[in-house]
Amino acid sequence: MPQKLQQQLQQLHNELAKNPPLSDEERASLTTLLHDIEANLEATTDSTEDDSLVDGVNLAIERFEVSHPTVTATLRNILQSLANMGI
């Protein structure tokens, strides 16, 4: 996994640890997405799984865009890193 992407994922972990005002459902959704990204990048996957991963990040961006701009910015950076990797 590229170092830049590792840093971005750690940044998202840190932002979640700061306890932003998220509902339990929102927090669970972001935590699941983070684990999915990490697991997907550690395993050899096919493009179908990669597509669902990118879709998940896009959905999270849409969901948190207005209410949590810092989280959204980090998710956009992660999405760009995934795109740069060809995912």
N, C-alpha and C. Protein backbone atom coordinates (compact mmCIF):
# COMPACT_ATOMS: atom_id res chain seq x y z
N MET A 1 0.85 -1.17 0.00
CA MET A 1 0.00 0.00 0.00
C MET A 1 0.90 1.24 0.00
N PRO A 2 0.63 2.18 -0.89
CA PRO A 2 1.44 3.39 -0.94
C PRO A 2 1.41 4.15 0.40
N GLN A 3 2.53 4.76 0.72
CA GLN A 3 2.65 5.46 2.00
C GLN A 3 1.65 6.60 2.12
N LYS A 4 1.41 7.31 1.04
CA LYS A 4 0.46 8.43 1.07
C LYS A 4 -0.93 7.93 1.46
N LEU A 5 -1.34 6.80 0.90
CA LEU A 5 -2.65 6.25 1.22
C LEU A 5 -2.68 5.78 2.67
N GLN A 6 -1.60 5.20 3.15
CA GLN A 6 -1.53 4.79 4.55
C GLN A 6 -1.71 6.00 5.46
N GLN A 7 -1.07 7.11 5.11
CA GLN A 7 -1.19 8.34 5.91
C GLN A 7 -2.63 8.86 5.89
N GLN A 8 -3.28 8.78 4.75
CA GLN A 8 -4.66 9.26 4.65
C GLN A 8 -5.60 8.39 5.46
N LEU A 9 -5.39 7.08 5.42
CA LEU A 9 -6.22 6.18 6.22
C LEU A 9 -5.98 6.43 7.70
N GLN A 10 -4.74 6.66 8.09
CA GLN A 10 -4.44 6.97 9.49
C GLN A 10 -5.09 8.28 9.90
N GLN A 11 -5.10 9.25 8.99
CA GLN A 11 -5.74 10.53 9.27
C GLN A 11 -7.24 10.33 9.52
N LEU A 12 -7.87 9.47 8.74
CA LEU A 12 -9.29 9.20 8.96
C LEU A 12 -9.50 8.50 10.29
N HIS A 13 -8.63 7.55 10.63
CA HIS A 13 -8.69 6.91 11.95
C HIS A 13 -8.59 7.97 13.05
N ASN A 14 -7.66 8.90 12.90
CA ASN A 14 -7.45 9.95 13.90
C ASN A 14 -8.67 10.85 14.02
N GLU A 15 -9.27 11.20 12.89
CA GLU A 15 -10.45 12.05 12.90
C GLU A 15 -11.61 11.36 13.62
N LEU A 16 -11.76 10.06 13.39
CA LEU A 16 -12.81 9.32 14.06
C LEU A 16 -12.53 9.21 15.57
N ALA A 17 -11.26 9.13 15.93
CA ALA A 17 -10.88 9.04 17.34
C ALA A 17 -11.16 10.34 18.08
N LYS A 18 -11.22 11.45 17.36
CA LYS A 18 -11.52 12.75 17.98
C LYS A 18 -12.99 12.86 18.38
N ASN A 19 -13.76 11.84 18.04
CA ASN A 19 -15.19 11.80 18.36
C ASN A 19 -15.97 12.97 17.78
N PRO A 20 -15.93 13.12 16.45
CA PRO A 20 -16.78 14.16 15.87
C PRO A 20 -18.24 13.79 16.11
N PRO A 21 -19.14 14.74 16.01
CA PRO A 21 -20.55 14.46 16.29
C PRO A 21 -21.19 13.57 15.23
N LEU A 22 -20.95 12.28 15.34
CA LEU A 22 -21.51 11.29 14.42
C LEU A 22 -22.49 10.41 15.18
N SER A 23 -23.52 10.01 14.48
CA SER A 23 -24.43 9.03 15.08
C SER A 23 -23.72 7.68 15.13
N ASP A 24 -24.24 6.76 15.91
CA ASP A 24 -23.63 5.43 15.99
C ASP A 24 -23.61 4.77 14.62
N GLU A 25 -24.67 4.98 13.84
CA GLU A 25 -24.76 4.40 12.50
C GLU A 25 -23.70 5.00 11.57
N GLU A 26 -23.52 6.32 11.64
CA GLU A 26 -22.52 6.98 10.80
C GLU A 26 -21.11 6.51 11.17
N ARG A 27 -20.84 6.43 12.47
CA ARG A 27 -19.52 5.99 12.93
C ARG A 27 -19.26 4.55 12.48
N ALA A 28 -20.26 3.69 12.62
CA ALA A 28 -20.12 2.29 12.20
C ALA A 28 -19.89 2.21 10.70
N SER A 29 -20.59 3.03 9.94
CA SER A 29 -20.44 3.05 8.49
C SER A 29 -19.03 3.43 8.08
N LEU A 30 -18.49 4.48 8.69
CA LEU A 30 -17.13 4.92 8.36
C LEU A 30 -16.09 3.90 8.81
N THR A 31 -16.29 3.31 9.98
CA THR A 31 -15.36 2.30 10.48
C THR A 31 -15.35 1.10 9.56
N THR A 32 -16.53 0.66 9.14
CA THR A 32 -16.62 -0.47 8.21
C THR A 32 -15.95 -0.14 6.89
N LEU A 33 -16.17 1.06 6.37
CA LEU A 33 -15.54 1.48 5.12
C LEU A 33 -14.03 1.47 5.25
N LEU A 34 -13.52 1.99 6.34
CA LEU A 34 -12.08 2.01 6.58
C LEU A 34 -11.50 0.61 6.59
N HIS A 35 -12.15 -0.30 7.30
CA HIS A 35 -11.68 -1.68 7.35
C HIS A 35 -11.77 -2.35 5.98
N ASP A 36 -12.83 -2.05 5.24
CA ASP A 36 -12.97 -2.61 3.89
C ASP A 36 -11.84 -2.15 2.97
N ILE A 37 -11.49 -0.87 3.05
CA ILE A 37 -10.41 -0.33 2.23
C ILE A 37 -9.10 -1.03 2.58
N GLU A 38 -8.82 -1.11 3.88
CA GLU A 38 -7.56 -1.73 4.32
C GLU A 38 -7.50 -3.20 3.92
N ALA A 39 -8.59 -3.92 4.12
CA ALA A 39 -8.62 -5.35 3.78
C ALA A 39 -8.49 -5.54 2.27
N ASN A 40 -9.16 -4.70 1.50
CA ASN A 40 -9.13 -4.82 0.05
C ASN A 40 -7.73 -4.56 -0.49
N LEU A 41 -7.02 -3.62 0.09
CA LEU A 41 -5.69 -3.28 -0.39
C LEU A 41 -4.65 -4.33 0.01
N GLU A 42 -4.91 -5.06 1.07
CA GLU A 42 -3.98 -6.10 1.51
C GLU A 42 -4.17 -7.40 0.73
N ALA A 43 -5.35 -7.60 0.17
CA ALA A 43 -5.65 -8.83 -0.56
C ALA A 43 -5.64 -8.57 -2.06
N THR A 44 -5.43 -9.62 -2.81
CA THR A 44 -5.56 -9.53 -4.26
C THR A 44 -7.03 -9.64 -4.57
N THR A 45 -7.56 -8.63 -5.27
CA THR A 45 -8.99 -8.60 -5.54
C THR A 45 -9.24 -8.42 -7.01
N ASP A 46 -10.49 -8.73 -7.43
CA ASP A 46 -10.85 -8.46 -8.82
C ASP A 46 -11.51 -7.10 -8.92
N SER A 47 -11.77 -6.66 -10.15
CA SER A 47 -12.26 -5.30 -10.36
C SER A 47 -13.67 -5.09 -9.81
N THR A 48 -14.46 -6.14 -9.66
CA THR A 48 -15.80 -5.99 -9.10
C THR A 48 -15.72 -5.50 -7.67
N GLU A 49 -14.85 -6.09 -6.90
CA GLU A 49 -14.69 -5.66 -5.52
C GLU A 49 -14.11 -4.25 -5.47
N ASP A 50 -13.19 -3.94 -6.35
CA ASP A 50 -12.62 -2.61 -6.39
C ASP A 50 -13.70 -1.57 -6.70
N ASP A 51 -14.58 -1.89 -7.63
CA ASP A 51 -15.67 -0.98 -7.98
C ASP A 51 -16.56 -0.73 -6.77
N SER A 52 -16.88 -1.76 -6.02
CA SER A 52 -17.75 -1.58 -4.86
C SER A 52 -17.03 -0.77 -3.79
N LEU A 53 -15.73 -0.91 -3.69
CA LEU A 53 -14.95 -0.14 -2.74
C LEU A 53 -15.02 1.34 -3.07
N VAL A 54 -14.79 1.66 -4.32
CA VAL A 54 -14.85 3.06 -4.78
C VAL A 54 -16.27 3.60 -4.61
N ASP A 55 -17.27 2.79 -4.93
CA ASP A 55 -18.66 3.21 -4.74
C ASP A 55 -18.93 3.52 -3.27
N GLY A 56 -18.39 2.70 -2.37
CA GLY A 56 -18.57 2.92 -0.94
C GLY A 56 -17.96 4.24 -0.49
N VAL A 57 -16.78 4.55 -1.00
CA VAL A 57 -16.14 5.82 -0.65
C VAL A 57 -16.96 6.98 -1.21
N ASN A 58 -17.42 6.86 -2.46
CA ASN A 58 -18.25 7.92 -3.04
C ASN A 58 -19.54 8.15 -2.25
N LEU A 59 -20.17 7.07 -1.82
CA LEU A 59 -21.39 7.20 -1.02
C LEU A 59 -21.11 7.89 0.31
N ALA A 60 -19.98 7.55 0.93
CA ALA A 60 -19.62 8.19 2.19
C ALA A 60 -19.35 9.68 1.98
N ILE A 61 -18.72 10.02 0.88
CA ILE A 61 -18.46 11.43 0.58
C ILE A 61 -19.79 12.18 0.46
N GLU A 62 -20.72 11.62 -0.27
CA GLU A 62 -22.03 12.26 -0.43
C GLU A 62 -22.75 12.38 0.91
N ARG A 63 -22.65 11.35 1.72
CA ARG A 63 -23.37 11.32 3.00
C ARG A 63 -22.84 12.35 4.00
N PHE A 64 -21.51 12.56 4.02
CA PHE A 64 -20.90 13.41 5.04
C PHE A 64 -20.47 14.77 4.52
N GLU A 65 -20.73 15.05 3.25
CA GLU A 65 -20.24 16.26 2.63
C GLU A 65 -20.63 17.54 3.37
N VAL A 66 -21.87 17.68 3.74
CA VAL A 66 -22.35 18.90 4.38
C VAL A 66 -22.06 18.90 5.87
N SER A 67 -22.31 17.79 6.52
CA SER A 67 -22.23 17.76 7.99
C SER A 67 -20.82 17.58 8.54
N HIS A 68 -19.92 16.97 7.79
CA HIS A 68 -18.58 16.70 8.28
C HIS A 68 -17.54 16.96 7.19
N PRO A 69 -17.25 18.23 6.92
CA PRO A 69 -16.34 18.57 5.81
C PRO A 69 -14.92 18.03 5.98
N THR A 70 -14.42 17.92 7.19
CA THR A 70 -13.06 17.40 7.40
C THR A 70 -12.98 15.93 7.03
N VAL A 71 -13.97 15.17 7.47
CA VAL A 71 -14.03 13.74 7.12
C VAL A 71 -14.17 13.59 5.62
N THR A 72 -15.00 14.43 5.02
CA THR A 72 -15.22 14.38 3.58
C THR A 72 -13.92 14.68 2.82
N ALA A 73 -13.17 15.66 3.26
CA ALA A 73 -11.91 15.99 2.60
C ALA A 73 -10.94 14.81 2.64
N THR A 74 -10.88 14.15 3.78
CA THR A 74 -10.00 12.99 3.91
C THR A 74 -10.48 11.86 2.99
N LEU A 75 -11.79 11.65 2.93
CA LEU A 75 -12.33 10.61 2.05
C LEU A 75 -12.03 10.92 0.59
N ARG A 76 -12.10 12.19 0.21
CA ARG A 76 -11.77 12.58 -1.17
C ARG A 76 -10.30 12.29 -1.48
N ASN A 77 -9.42 12.55 -0.52
CA ASN A 77 -8.00 12.25 -0.71
C ASN A 77 -7.78 10.75 -0.87
N ILE A 78 -8.48 9.97 -0.07
CA ILE A 78 -8.38 8.51 -0.17
C ILE A 78 -8.87 8.06 -1.53
N LEU A 79 -10.00 8.60 -1.97
CA LEU A 79 -10.56 8.25 -3.28
C LEU A 79 -9.57 8.59 -4.40
N GLN A 80 -8.92 9.73 -4.31
CA GLN A 80 -7.94 10.13 -5.33
C GLN A 80 -6.75 9.18 -5.32
N SER A 81 -6.31 8.77 -4.14
CA SER A 81 -5.18 7.83 -4.05
C SER A 81 -5.56 6.48 -4.66
N LEU A 82 -6.79 6.04 -4.40
CA LEU A 82 -7.25 4.78 -5.00
C LEU A 82 -7.29 4.90 -6.53
N ALA A 83 -7.77 6.05 -7.01
CA ALA A 83 -7.81 6.27 -8.46
C ALA A 83 -6.41 6.27 -9.05
N ASN A 84 -5.47 6.88 -8.35
CA ASN A 84 -4.08 6.91 -8.83
C ASN A 84 -3.48 5.52 -8.89
N MET A 85 -3.99 4.61 -8.05
CA MET A 85 -3.51 3.24 -8.04
C MET A 85 -4.22 2.40 -9.10
N GLY A 86 -5.21 2.99 -9.77
CA GLY A 86 -5.94 2.26 -10.80
C GLY A 86 -7.13 1.49 -10.26
N ILE A 87 -7.54 1.84 -9.07
CA ILE A 87 -8.69 1.15 -8.47
C ILE A 87 -9.94 2.00 -8.67
